[in-house]
């Protein structure tokens, strides 16, 4: 007999919302959900407070920017709709508030405040220059490769050119890598 419940609804659909991510045969909380959620609580607490990130896990966030990860935010909201999961979040959140009151994060705050460098690790939305090596095309008559544990026959080359690229945050700024003038166009 066919079920009247929506295909993506949890078996106890009357007490649960549909899982917001792609449907699974029997959507239910997984080990991945239960493992990742506490890390997300930490990220929700830390990243906006100390590094200027948007509210990653709030689908309705607008300040300082909307979440760049709307599906992640939908998943997090669905997880929080579970009373037991929300109780875990409240316990973790209270712990981080205690740690903040005890000065746990003061060294981080002080380091960020003391630095004029906007590219501090984890600072959101600031492109960072990094070096990437790009494979060069082989000259005519040769292939790309190298010999390992045998004599080089001279028929392959493995040459790279370093190029400075600006690493950008995914989502908010379009994401990906923008190559410097030496390397050419945008890479993503």
Protein backbone atom coordinates (compact mmCIF):
# COMPACT_ATOMS: atom_id res chain seq x y z
CA UNK A 1 0.00 0.00 0.00
CA UNK A 2 1.25 3.44 -0.88
CA UNK A 3 2.04 5.81 1.96
CA UNK A 4 0.35 9.21 2.11
CA UNK A 5 3.48 10.76 3.67
CA UNK A 6 5.69 12.89 1.40
CA UNK A 7 8.55 10.91 -0.13
CA UNK A 8 11.17 12.91 1.79
CA UNK A 9 9.39 12.99 5.14
CA UNK A 10 10.72 11.17 8.16
CA UNK A 11 8.72 8.04 9.07
CA UNK A 12 7.26 10.02 12.00
CA UNK A 13 6.31 12.91 9.70
CA UNK A 14 3.70 14.22 12.11
CA UNK A 15 6.44 15.13 14.61
CA UNK A 16 9.32 15.97 12.26
CA UNK A 17 9.97 18.26 9.36
CA UNK A 18 11.25 16.84 6.07
CA UNK A 19 15.01 16.54 5.83
CA UNK A 20 16.17 19.59 3.77
CA UNK A 21 18.99 17.80 1.98
CA UNK A 22 18.58 15.37 -0.90
CA UNK A 23 16.16 12.57 -0.11
CA UNK A 24 17.44 9.32 1.23
CA UNK A 25 15.38 6.14 1.15
CA UNK A 26 14.51 6.53 4.86
CA UNK A 27 15.64 9.97 6.02
CA UNK A 28 16.83 9.91 9.60
CA UNK A 29 19.59 11.42 11.65
CA UNK A 30 22.89 9.87 10.68
CA UNK A 31 26.24 9.52 12.40
CA UNK A 32 27.46 12.29 10.09
CA UNK A 33 24.65 14.61 11.28
CA UNK A 34 25.42 13.86 14.92
CA UNK A 35 29.18 14.25 14.45
CA UNK A 36 29.10 17.44 12.40
CA UNK A 37 26.46 19.28 14.45
CA UNK A 38 28.63 20.02 17.55
CA UNK A 39 31.38 21.39 15.28
CA UNK A 40 28.81 23.66 13.65
CA UNK A 41 27.75 24.96 17.08
CA UNK A 42 31.37 25.91 17.73
CA UNK A 43 31.58 27.60 14.31
CA UNK A 44 28.27 29.41 14.93
CA UNK A 45 29.67 30.75 18.19
CA UNK A 46 33.20 31.62 17.10
CA UNK A 47 33.23 32.78 13.49
CA UNK A 48 30.82 35.75 13.63
CA UNK A 49 32.04 36.86 17.06
CA UNK A 50 35.75 36.88 16.45
CA UNK A 51 36.37 36.74 12.70
CA UNK A 52 33.55 38.81 11.16
CA UNK A 53 31.85 35.94 9.33
CA UNK A 54 28.15 36.09 8.52
CA UNK A 55 25.74 33.86 10.42
CA UNK A 56 26.48 30.68 8.46
CA UNK A 57 23.70 28.67 10.04
CA UNK A 58 20.83 31.17 9.90
CA UNK A 59 18.90 31.00 6.61
CA UNK A 60 17.40 34.44 7.29
CA UNK A 61 20.67 36.20 8.24
CA UNK A 62 21.39 39.47 6.47
CA UNK A 63 24.01 41.23 8.61
CA UNK A 64 26.91 41.47 7.86
CA UNK A 65 25.91 39.33 4.86
CA UNK A 66 23.52 36.50 4.08
CA UNK A 67 24.78 33.00 4.68
CA UNK A 68 26.93 31.85 1.77
CA UNK A 69 25.75 28.30 2.49
CA UNK A 70 21.93 28.22 2.38
CA UNK A 71 21.68 24.41 2.24
CA UNK A 72 23.97 24.07 5.25
CA UNK A 73 21.82 26.63 7.07
CA UNK A 74 18.66 24.68 6.16
CA UNK A 75 20.23 21.46 7.47
CA UNK A 76 21.29 23.17 10.70
CA UNK A 77 17.81 24.62 11.21
CA UNK A 78 16.24 21.20 10.65
CA UNK A 79 18.66 19.66 13.14
CA UNK A 80 17.80 22.32 15.73
CA UNK A 81 14.10 21.52 15.30
CA UNK A 82 14.79 18.20 17.04
CA UNK A 83 14.33 18.82 20.80
CA UNK A 84 17.21 16.52 21.83
CA UNK A 85 19.56 18.13 19.31
CA UNK A 86 18.56 21.62 20.43
CA UNK A 87 19.25 20.60 24.05
CA UNK A 88 22.77 19.51 23.02
CA UNK A 89 23.27 22.84 21.22
CA UNK A 90 22.15 24.77 24.32
CA UNK A 91 24.62 22.83 26.49
CA UNK A 92 27.51 23.41 24.07
CA UNK A 93 26.58 27.09 23.63
CA UNK A 94 26.47 27.61 27.41
CA UNK A 95 29.93 26.06 27.71
CA UNK A 96 31.40 28.43 25.09
CA UNK A 97 29.74 31.40 26.81
CA UNK A 98 31.40 30.34 30.08
CA UNK A 99 34.76 30.02 28.31
CA UNK A 100 34.33 33.45 26.73
CA UNK A 101 33.49 34.99 30.15
CA UNK A 102 36.59 33.28 31.60
CA UNK A 103 38.80 34.88 28.92
CA UNK A 104 39.40 31.77 26.80
CA UNK A 105 39.24 33.75 23.56
CA UNK A 106 41.00 36.92 24.73
CA UNK A 107 44.32 35.99 23.04
CA UNK A 108 42.50 35.62 19.72
CA UNK A 109 40.67 38.92 20.14
CA UNK A 110 43.90 40.66 21.17
CA UNK A 111 45.86 39.27 18.23
CA UNK A 112 43.22 40.38 15.75
CA UNK A 113 42.95 43.84 17.34
CA UNK A 114 46.75 44.29 17.39
CA UNK A 115 47.22 43.43 13.75
CA UNK A 116 46.66 45.77 10.85
CA UNK A 117 46.85 42.73 8.56
CA UNK A 118 43.31 42.07 7.25
CA UNK A 119 44.35 38.67 5.92
CA UNK A 120 44.69 36.97 9.29
CA UNK A 121 43.80 33.32 9.01
CA UNK A 122 40.03 32.78 9.16
CA UNK A 123 39.18 36.45 8.52
CA UNK A 124 36.10 36.33 6.29
CA UNK A 125 35.85 37.99 2.92
CA UNK A 126 39.46 39.13 2.50
CA UNK A 127 41.24 37.71 -0.57
CA UNK A 128 44.60 36.19 0.32
CA UNK A 129 47.53 35.95 -2.10
CA UNK A 130 48.97 32.46 -2.46
CA UNK A 131 51.37 30.79 -4.90
CA UNK A 132 50.07 27.94 -7.07
CA UNK A 133 52.09 25.95 -9.56
CA UNK A 134 50.57 25.50 -13.02
CA UNK A 135 51.66 22.70 -15.36
CA UNK A 136 53.20 24.03 -18.55
CA UNK A 137 52.39 22.43 -21.92
CA UNK A 138 55.21 20.22 -23.18
CA UNK A 139 57.26 21.32 -26.20
CA UNK A 140 56.46 19.75 -29.58
CA UNK A 141 57.39 16.10 -29.72
CA UNK A 142 57.39 15.57 -25.96
CA UNK A 143 54.75 14.46 -23.48
CA UNK A 144 54.05 15.58 -19.95
CA UNK A 145 55.42 13.30 -17.26
CA UNK A 146 58.52 12.08 -15.48
CA UNK A 147 60.42 8.88 -15.04
CA UNK A 148 60.60 7.37 -11.59
CA UNK A 149 63.14 4.69 -10.71
CA UNK A 150 64.30 4.38 -14.30
CA UNK A 151 66.53 6.34 -16.71
CA UNK A 152 65.07 9.48 -18.27
CA UNK A 153 64.61 8.84 -21.99
CA UNK A 154 64.22 12.53 -22.78
CA UNK A 155 60.71 12.15 -24.23
CA UNK A 156 58.73 13.74 -21.38
CA UNK A 157 58.94 16.95 -19.36
CA UNK A 158 57.37 18.05 -16.11
CA UNK A 159 57.59 21.83 -15.86
CA UNK A 160 55.59 24.16 -13.68
CA UNK A 161 55.37 27.92 -13.38
CA UNK A 162 54.45 29.53 -10.07
CA UNK A 163 51.67 32.09 -10.28
CA UNK A 164 50.27 34.31 -7.57
CA UNK A 165 46.52 33.93 -7.16
CA UNK A 166 44.00 35.54 -4.82
CA UNK A 167 42.14 32.95 -2.77
CA UNK A 168 38.62 34.11 -2.05
CA UNK A 169 35.94 32.78 0.26
CA UNK A 170 33.35 30.59 -1.44
CA UNK A 171 29.82 31.91 -1.68
CA UNK A 172 30.00 35.56 -0.66
CA UNK A 173 32.48 36.66 -3.32
CA UNK A 174 31.81 34.07 -6.00
CA UNK A 175 34.45 31.73 -4.62
CA UNK A 176 37.37 30.10 -6.28
CA UNK A 177 40.74 31.39 -7.34
CA UNK A 178 41.62 34.43 -9.41
CA UNK A 179 45.00 34.10 -11.09
CA UNK A 180 47.45 36.95 -11.22
CA UNK A 181 48.47 38.62 -14.47
CA UNK A 182 51.25 36.07 -15.01
CA UNK A 183 48.88 33.12 -15.07
CA UNK A 184 45.92 34.48 -17.01
CA UNK A 185 42.20 34.27 -16.43
CA UNK A 186 39.98 33.29 -13.52
CA UNK A 187 40.14 29.73 -12.27
CA UNK A 188 37.37 28.17 -10.24
